[in-house]
Amino acid sequence: IDFDLILENIKDLNSLVGEGVSEIEHTPRGARLRRAEPLPLTLYRNGIVVGHGAFRPYQHPATQQCLQDIMDGYFPSELQPHYPDGV
């Protein structure tokens, strides 16, 4: 696993979705600025945790696919149903 590539690609992906940029959220009384809620990815020596999910060892096929997507420069395909515009 190329951790340097993963970290570099995560930075690039974050900039694509506008990390730190506020969005307009319409409310019943007008509107307000809101920042998108981040989805943390924690890398460990022997696995990962995505969001507040369970620990996933690197040997698990879904973990390997998630990291391969990131190393290829894409958002993990497993997140697309919940975050179609990126996260």
Protein backbone atom coordinates (compact mmCIF):
# COMPACT_ATOMS: atom_id res chain seq x y z
CA ILE A 1 0.00 0.00 0.00
CA ASP A 2 1.41 3.34 -1.06
CA PHE A 3 0.40 5.57 1.85
CA ASP A 4 2.07 8.64 0.32
CA LEU A 5 -0.02 8.23 -2.84
CA ILE A 6 -3.19 7.72 -0.79
CA LEU A 7 -2.58 10.91 1.21
CA GLU A 8 -1.72 12.90 -1.93
CA ASN A 9 -4.84 11.68 -3.74
CA ILE A 10 -7.06 12.38 -0.73
CA LYS A 11 -5.83 15.99 -0.74
CA ASP A 12 -6.60 16.24 -4.47
CA LEU A 13 -10.06 14.71 -4.01
CA ASN A 14 -10.81 17.05 -1.11
CA SER A 15 -9.96 20.06 -3.26
CA LEU A 16 -12.26 18.78 -6.01
CA VAL A 17 -15.28 18.85 -3.71
CA GLY A 18 -14.36 22.22 -2.27
CA GLU A 19 -12.85 21.41 1.11
CA GLY A 20 -13.44 24.30 3.48
CA VAL A 21 -15.93 25.98 1.12
CA SER A 22 -19.30 26.89 2.57
CA GLU A 23 -22.59 26.14 0.84
CA ILE A 24 -25.86 28.03 1.05
CA GLU A 25 -28.46 26.17 3.08
CA HIS A 26 -32.01 27.47 2.75
CA THR A 27 -33.99 27.68 5.99
CA PRO A 28 -37.61 28.60 6.72
CA ARG A 29 -36.44 32.08 7.76
CA GLY A 30 -33.92 32.69 5.00
CA ALA A 31 -30.56 31.08 4.39
CA ARG A 32 -27.24 30.43 6.09
CA LEU A 33 -23.78 29.24 5.17
CA ARG A 34 -23.00 25.63 5.98
CA ARG A 35 -19.82 23.62 5.58
CA ALA A 36 -20.06 20.07 4.32
CA GLU A 37 -19.55 17.47 7.01
CA PRO A 38 -16.23 15.64 6.44
CA LEU A 39 -15.98 11.86 6.37
CA PRO A 40 -12.83 10.84 8.24
CA LEU A 41 -10.57 8.09 6.96
CA THR A 42 -8.22 6.73 9.60
CA LEU A 43 -5.23 4.69 8.41
CA TYR A 44 -3.65 2.18 10.79
CA ARG A 45 -0.72 -0.15 10.38
CA ASN A 46 -3.06 -3.11 9.81
CA GLY A 47 -6.30 -1.58 8.51
CA ILE A 48 -8.61 1.41 8.14
CA VAL A 49 -11.73 2.98 9.61
CA VAL A 50 -14.04 4.95 7.29
CA GLY A 51 -16.24 7.46 9.09
CA HIS A 52 -17.49 6.01 12.34
CA GLY A 53 -17.63 2.51 10.90
CA ALA A 54 -15.94 -0.66 12.00
CA PHE A 55 -12.23 -1.41 11.73
CA ARG A 56 -11.45 -3.00 8.37
CA PRO A 57 -8.23 -5.01 7.92
CA TYR A 58 -6.19 -4.42 4.76
CA GLN A 59 -6.66 -8.07 3.74
CA HIS A 60 -10.44 -7.63 3.36
CA PRO A 61 -11.44 -7.35 -0.34
CA ALA A 62 -13.72 -4.33 0.27
CA THR A 63 -10.85 -2.50 2.01
CA GLN A 64 -8.51 -3.29 -0.86
CA GLN A 65 -11.06 -1.97 -3.37
CA CYS A 66 -11.58 1.21 -1.33
CA LEU A 67 -7.86 1.94 -1.18
CA GLN A 68 -7.34 1.02 -4.83
CA ASP A 69 -10.04 3.50 -5.83
CA ILE A 70 -8.23 6.23 -3.87
CA MET A 71 -4.82 5.27 -5.28
CA ASP A 72 -6.37 5.45 -8.77
CA GLY A 73 -7.50 9.02 -7.99
CA TYR A 74 -11.21 8.32 -7.49
CA PHE A 75 -13.62 8.54 -4.60
CA PRO A 76 -14.21 5.05 -3.17
CA SER A 77 -17.02 3.44 -5.18
CA GLU A 78 -18.61 2.17 -1.95
CA LEU A 79 -19.39 5.80 -1.00
CA GLN A 80 -21.11 6.78 -4.28
CA PRO A 81 -24.66 5.78 -3.25
CA HIS A 82 -24.48 7.98 -0.14
CA TYR A 83 -22.30 10.81 -1.55
CA PRO A 84 -22.94 11.10 -5.31
CA ASP A 85 -21.11 14.48 -5.49
CA GLY A 86 -18.11 13.32 -3.46
CA VAL A 87 -17.32 13.68 0.21
